[in-house]
N, C-alpha and C. Protein backbone atom coordinates (compact mmCIF):
# COMPACT_ATOMS: atom_id res chain seq x y z
N MET A 1 6.89 29.00 8.74
CA MET A 1 6.06 30.09 8.98
C MET A 1 6.01 30.18 7.68
N GLU A 2 6.81 30.13 6.43
CA GLU A 2 6.86 30.43 5.26
C GLU A 2 5.83 29.33 4.23
N ASN A 3 5.08 28.76 5.09
CA ASN A 3 4.18 27.70 4.14
C ASN A 3 2.47 28.20 4.80
N VAL A 4 2.77 29.15 5.91
CA VAL A 4 1.46 29.79 6.40
C VAL A 4 0.52 30.50 5.27
N PRO A 5 0.94 31.29 4.12
CA PRO A 5 0.26 31.84 3.25
C PRO A 5 -0.64 30.77 2.28
N LEU A 6 0.31 29.57 1.82
CA LEU A 6 -0.38 28.48 0.88
C LEU A 6 -1.47 27.97 1.99
N LEU A 7 -1.40 27.75 3.26
CA LEU A 7 -2.39 26.90 3.98
C LEU A 7 -3.45 27.40 4.21
N LEU A 8 -3.33 29.09 4.30
CA LEU A 8 -4.34 29.95 4.35
C LEU A 8 -5.40 30.08 2.86
N ILE A 9 -4.76 29.68 1.59
CA ILE A 9 -5.24 29.53 0.79
C ILE A 9 -6.11 28.16 0.23
N LEU A 10 -5.23 27.01 0.93
CA LEU A 10 -5.79 25.89 0.69
C LEU A 10 -7.21 25.83 1.52
N LEU A 11 -7.19 26.70 2.87
CA LEU A 11 -8.23 26.88 3.59
C LEU A 11 -9.22 27.29 3.00
N PHE A 12 -9.18 28.37 2.28
CA PHE A 12 -10.00 29.63 1.76
C PHE A 12 -10.96 28.56 0.17
N LEU A 13 -9.89 27.88 -0.25
CA LEU A 13 -10.29 27.02 -1.24
C LEU A 13 -11.43 26.19 -1.05
N SER A 14 -11.08 25.57 0.20
CA SER A 14 -12.00 24.33 0.90
C SER A 14 -12.99 24.95 1.66
N LEU A 15 -13.62 25.72 1.66
CA LEU A 15 -14.91 26.46 2.19
C LEU A 15 -16.11 26.58 0.84
N SER A 16 -17.28 26.21 1.39
CA SER A 16 -17.99 26.33 0.20
C SER A 16 -18.95 27.62 0.43
N PRO A 17 -19.73 27.44 -0.39
CA PRO A 17 -20.43 29.04 -0.56
C PRO A 17 -20.89 29.56 0.95
N GLY A 18 -21.32 28.42 1.38
CA GLY A 18 -22.23 28.84 3.04
C GLY A 18 -21.26 29.04 3.96
N GLY A 19 -19.71 28.74 3.98
CA GLY A 19 -18.69 29.01 4.86
C GLY A 19 -18.52 28.15 5.30
N ASN A 20 -19.11 26.65 5.15
CA ASN A 20 -18.69 25.22 5.55
C ASN A 20 -17.54 25.17 5.19
N LEU A 21 -16.76 24.12 5.89
CA LEU A 21 -15.74 23.14 5.41
C LEU A 21 -16.06 22.13 5.13
N ILE A 22 -15.42 22.22 3.78
CA ILE A 22 -16.04 20.83 2.59
C ILE A 22 -14.80 19.60 3.33
N MET A 23 -15.36 18.75 3.65
CA MET A 23 -14.93 17.30 3.91
C MET A 23 -14.66 16.69 2.83
N GLY A 24 -13.41 15.56 2.56
CA GLY A 24 -13.63 14.85 1.26
C GLY A 24 -14.71 14.52 1.10
N ASN A 25 -15.82 13.62 1.99
CA ASN A 25 -17.11 13.04 1.19
C ASN A 25 -18.29 13.99 2.33
N GLU A 26 -18.33 14.76 1.66
CA GLU A 26 -19.59 15.33 2.89
C GLU A 26 -20.58 15.07 2.63
N GLN A 27 -21.20 14.79 4.07
CA GLN A 27 -22.41 13.73 4.44
C GLN A 27 -23.44 14.73 3.96
N LYS A 28 -24.48 14.04 3.16
CA LYS A 28 -25.67 14.75 3.04
C LYS A 28 -26.52 14.41 4.22
N THR A 29 -27.40 15.66 3.83
CA THR A 29 -28.14 16.24 5.30
C THR A 29 -29.75 16.45 4.57
N TRP A 30 -30.68 16.15 5.50
CA TRP A 30 -32.22 16.67 5.20
C TRP A 30 -32.67 17.37 6.25
N CYS A 31 -33.61 18.21 6.02
CA CYS A 31 -34.22 18.81 7.29
C CYS A 31 -35.58 18.38 7.26
N VAL A 32 -36.26 18.00 8.52
CA VAL A 32 -37.32 17.69 8.73
C VAL A 32 -38.18 18.20 9.86
N ALA A 33 -39.27 18.06 9.97
CA ALA A 33 -40.03 18.77 11.07
C ALA A 33 -40.00 17.86 12.28
N LYS A 34 -39.69 18.26 13.46
CA LYS A 34 -39.59 17.73 14.83
C LYS A 34 -40.88 17.23 15.39
N PRO A 35 -40.98 15.52 16.11
CA PRO A 35 -42.18 15.12 15.79
C PRO A 35 -43.27 16.28 16.97
N SER A 36 -42.55 16.56 18.00
CA SER A 36 -43.28 17.44 18.72
C SER A 36 -43.54 18.52 18.55
N SER A 37 -43.47 19.04 17.32
CA SER A 37 -43.99 20.26 16.73
C SER A 37 -45.83 20.40 16.63
N ASP A 38 -46.04 21.29 16.97
CA ASP A 38 -47.65 21.74 16.90
C ASP A 38 -48.11 22.13 15.71
N GLN A 39 -49.42 21.51 15.25
CA GLN A 39 -49.69 21.74 14.00
C GLN A 39 -50.07 22.89 13.41
N ALA A 40 -50.13 24.09 14.37
CA ALA A 40 -50.40 25.67 13.84
C ALA A 40 -48.57 26.16 13.24
N THR A 41 -47.67 25.44 14.30
CA THR A 41 -46.19 25.40 13.82
C THR A 41 -45.85 25.07 12.24
N LEU A 42 -46.40 23.47 12.46
CA LEU A 42 -46.34 22.83 11.07
C LEU A 42 -46.99 23.65 9.62
N LEU A 43 -47.84 24.16 10.11
CA LEU A 43 -48.87 24.93 8.80
C LEU A 43 -48.03 26.43 8.42
N SER A 44 -47.52 26.89 9.58
CA SER A 44 -46.79 28.36 9.45
C SER A 44 -45.39 27.37 8.42
N ASN A 45 -44.63 26.75 9.16
CA ASN A 45 -43.55 26.02 8.45
C ASN A 45 -43.91 25.79 6.79
N LEU A 46 -45.04 25.23 6.63
CA LEU A 46 -45.13 24.92 5.51
C LEU A 46 -45.77 25.83 4.35
N ASN A 47 -46.25 26.90 4.81
CA ASN A 47 -46.38 27.95 3.92
C ASN A 47 -45.35 28.59 3.85
N PHE A 48 -44.50 28.87 4.45
CA PHE A 48 -43.35 29.78 4.42
C PHE A 48 -42.40 28.94 3.39
N ALA A 49 -41.83 27.85 3.73
CA ALA A 49 -41.29 27.14 2.57
C ALA A 49 -41.71 27.06 1.50
N CYS A 50 -43.06 26.72 1.23
CA CYS A 50 -43.81 26.79 -0.28
C CYS A 50 -43.83 28.09 -0.61
N SER A 51 -43.98 29.15 -0.53
CA SER A 51 -43.73 30.53 -0.55
C SER A 51 -42.50 30.95 -1.05
N GLN A 52 -41.34 30.05 -0.70
CA GLN A 52 -39.71 30.25 -1.14
C GLN A 52 -39.24 29.38 -2.26
N VAL A 53 -40.20 28.17 -2.31
CA VAL A 53 -39.61 27.02 -3.40
C VAL A 53 -40.74 26.55 -3.60
N ASP A 54 -40.57 25.68 -4.77
CA ASP A 54 -42.01 24.68 -5.36
C ASP A 54 -42.20 23.34 -4.57
N CYS A 55 -43.41 23.66 -4.47
CA CYS A 55 -43.83 22.54 -3.66
C CYS A 55 -44.93 21.64 -4.41
N ARG A 56 -44.61 21.86 -5.92
CA ARG A 56 -45.83 20.95 -6.41
C ARG A 56 -45.77 19.33 -6.04
N ILE A 57 -44.35 18.88 -5.64
CA ILE A 57 -44.10 17.40 -5.46
C ILE A 57 -45.51 16.94 -4.07
N LEU A 58 -45.83 17.97 -3.50
CA LEU A 58 -46.83 17.60 -2.65
C LEU A 58 -47.99 17.46 -3.33
N GLN A 59 -48.60 17.88 -4.36
CA GLN A 59 -49.84 17.98 -4.70
C GLN A 59 -50.58 16.68 -5.09
N LYS A 60 -52.14 16.51 -4.88
CA LYS A 60 -52.69 15.29 -4.86
C LYS A 60 -51.94 14.55 -6.53
N GLY A 61 -51.70 13.61 -6.28
CA GLY A 61 -51.48 12.88 -7.71
C GLY A 61 -50.21 12.77 -7.76
N CYS A 62 -49.00 13.66 -7.04
CA CYS A 62 -47.68 14.10 -7.08
C CYS A 62 -46.64 12.69 -6.22
N PRO A 63 -45.85 12.26 -6.12
CA PRO A 63 -45.49 11.09 -5.23
C PRO A 63 -45.50 11.38 -3.76
N CYS A 64 -44.85 12.59 -3.35
CA CYS A 64 -44.98 12.94 -2.35
C CYS A 64 -46.39 13.23 -1.24
N PHE A 65 -47.50 13.07 -1.90
CA PHE A 65 -48.81 13.63 -1.50
C PHE A 65 -49.10 12.94 -0.13
N TYR A 66 -49.07 11.63 -0.61
CA TYR A 66 -49.23 10.49 0.41
C TYR A 66 -47.93 9.98 1.48
N PRO A 67 -48.28 9.82 2.98
CA PRO A 67 -49.36 10.13 3.78
C PRO A 67 -49.71 11.99 3.82
N ASP A 68 -50.97 11.76 3.61
CA ASP A 68 -51.41 13.42 3.35
C ASP A 68 -52.09 13.75 5.05
N ASN A 69 -50.79 14.32 5.21
CA ASN A 69 -50.86 15.08 6.64
C ASN A 69 -49.88 16.18 6.74
N LEU A 70 -50.10 16.78 7.85
CA LEU A 70 -49.04 18.42 7.94
C LEU A 70 -47.72 17.99 8.56
N MET A 71 -47.39 17.13 9.16
CA MET A 71 -46.27 16.11 9.53
C MET A 71 -45.33 16.16 8.27
N ASN A 72 -45.85 15.28 7.77
CA ASN A 72 -45.39 14.86 6.24
C ASN A 72 -45.15 15.97 5.21
N HIS A 73 -45.97 16.77 4.82
CA HIS A 73 -46.03 17.56 4.07
C HIS A 73 -45.05 18.52 4.45
N ALA A 74 -45.15 19.01 5.81
CA ALA A 74 -44.33 20.26 6.40
C ALA A 74 -42.49 19.74 6.12
N SER A 75 -42.33 18.63 6.76
CA SER A 75 -41.23 18.22 6.62
C SER A 75 -40.46 18.14 5.18
N ILE A 76 -41.39 17.96 4.18
CA ILE A 76 -40.92 17.73 2.83
C ILE A 76 -40.86 19.30 2.24
N ALA A 77 -41.51 19.79 2.70
CA ALA A 77 -41.51 21.63 2.08
C ALA A 77 -40.39 21.91 3.27
N MET A 78 -39.95 21.78 4.02
CA MET A 78 -38.70 22.42 5.23
C MET A 78 -37.50 21.95 4.12
N ASN A 79 -37.54 20.82 4.01
CA ASN A 79 -36.46 20.07 3.31
C ASN A 79 -36.15 20.64 1.93
N LEU A 80 -37.23 20.70 1.16
CA LEU A 80 -37.03 22.08 -0.27
C LEU A 80 -36.11 22.81 0.16
N TYR A 81 -36.74 23.49 1.14
CA TYR A 81 -36.21 24.81 1.35
C TYR A 81 -34.98 24.82 1.81
N TYR A 82 -34.57 23.77 2.93
CA TYR A 82 -33.32 23.74 3.23
C TYR A 82 -32.19 23.22 2.12
N GLN A 83 -32.64 22.21 1.43
CA GLN A 83 -31.73 21.93 0.19
C GLN A 83 -31.30 23.34 -0.55
N SER A 84 -32.63 23.81 -0.84
CA SER A 84 -32.34 25.13 -2.08
C SER A 84 -31.38 26.21 -1.25
N LYS A 85 -31.40 26.15 -0.16
CA LYS A 85 -30.46 27.61 0.60
C LYS A 85 -29.24 27.35 0.83
N GLY A 86 -28.83 25.75 0.13
CA GLY A 86 -27.35 25.23 0.41
C GLY A 86 -26.89 24.35 1.60
N ARG A 87 -28.23 24.00 2.45
CA ARG A 87 -27.79 22.73 3.31
C ARG A 87 -27.29 23.58 4.74
N ASN A 88 -27.68 24.74 4.87
CA ASN A 88 -27.05 25.42 5.93
C ASN A 88 -27.64 25.37 7.31
N HIS A 89 -26.90 24.72 8.49
CA HIS A 89 -27.85 24.41 9.61
C HIS A 89 -28.79 25.37 10.14
N TRP A 90 -28.63 26.91 10.03
CA TRP A 90 -29.57 27.87 9.90
C TRP A 90 -31.26 27.85 9.19
N ASN A 91 -30.60 27.17 8.24
CA ASN A 91 -31.96 26.94 7.22
C ASN A 91 -32.91 26.06 7.57
N CYS A 92 -32.61 25.01 8.46
CA CYS A 92 -33.33 24.08 9.25
C CYS A 92 -33.43 24.16 10.73
N ASP A 93 -34.09 25.81 10.79
CA ASP A 93 -34.50 25.81 12.05
C ASP A 93 -36.03 26.10 12.40
N PHE A 94 -36.74 26.82 11.42
CA PHE A 94 -37.58 26.94 11.74
C PHE A 94 -38.53 27.20 13.03
N ARG A 95 -37.81 28.30 13.78
CA ARG A 95 -38.01 28.94 15.13
C ARG A 95 -38.15 27.43 15.97
N ALA A 96 -36.90 26.75 15.85
CA ALA A 96 -36.92 25.46 16.45
C ALA A 96 -37.70 24.46 16.34
N SER A 97 -38.39 24.45 15.09
CA SER A 97 -39.18 23.24 15.09
C SER A 97 -38.69 22.06 13.79
N ALA A 98 -37.68 22.03 13.67
CA ALA A 98 -37.18 21.37 12.79
C ALA A 98 -35.74 20.62 13.09
N LEU A 99 -35.09 19.62 12.67
CA LEU A 99 -34.01 19.24 12.91
C LEU A 99 -33.37 18.68 11.90
N VAL A 100 -32.13 18.10 11.41
CA VAL A 100 -31.28 17.74 10.37
C VAL A 100 -31.28 16.70 10.77
N SER A 101 -31.50 15.94 9.84
CA SER A 101 -31.40 14.33 9.80
C SER A 101 -30.15 13.76 8.75
N LEU A 102 -29.73 12.89 9.38
CA LEU A 102 -28.55 12.43 8.91
C LEU A 102 -29.21 11.04 7.97
N THR A 103 -30.30 10.59 8.01
CA THR A 103 -31.28 9.53 7.84
C THR A 103 -31.85 9.81 6.12
N ASP A 104 -31.62 9.79 4.98
CA ASP A 104 -32.44 9.93 4.06
C ASP A 104 -33.99 9.28 4.51
N PRO A 105 -34.84 10.30 4.34
CA PRO A 105 -36.31 10.27 4.74
C PRO A 105 -37.52 10.05 3.75
N SER A 106 -36.46 9.66 2.48
CA SER A 106 -37.31 9.39 1.67
C SER A 106 -37.96 7.81 1.34
N TYR A 107 -39.17 7.89 0.75
CA TYR A 107 -40.00 6.68 0.81
C TYR A 107 -40.81 6.36 -0.45
N GLY A 108 -40.78 5.37 -0.53
CA GLY A 108 -41.50 5.08 -1.85
C GLY A 108 -40.74 5.65 -3.06
N ASN A 109 -41.98 6.45 -3.62
CA ASN A 109 -41.42 7.27 -4.80
C ASN A 109 -41.39 8.68 -4.37
N CYS A 110 -41.57 9.13 -2.92
CA CYS A 110 -40.95 10.43 -2.63
C CYS A 110 -40.02 10.49 -2.23
N ILE A 111 -38.83 11.06 -3.22
CA ILE A 111 -37.63 11.13 -2.89
C ILE A 111 -36.90 12.85 -2.36
N TYR A 112 -36.70 12.63 -1.38
CA TYR A 112 -36.40 13.84 -0.84
C TYR A 112 -35.00 14.38 -1.23
N ALA A 113 -34.88 15.53 -2.11
CA ALA A 113 -33.93 16.24 -2.60
C ALA A 113 -32.15 16.12 -1.90
């Protein structure tokens, strides 16, 4: 029992600022729109996320503009928001219209942060 305080200190030190336990090689995750999301929800998510983070990467002529569709743009904006908030699962909910991906959705020159 004399090692309990040390164990608690180690556990506390291994927690990330978001309260998630940090494992030796933390898995990188991304947030993307669910394919079943309707256009109105995607537009709402895009507008919300871009009101919170810099979405210039979606402007015409920038690497993530194409494909120029709402699913793509919403996914990129939602991921920018998710990454900026510390990759907490609750920052990738968007009223149940998003999901956390373990596979990097980057393509071409469009790199998901």
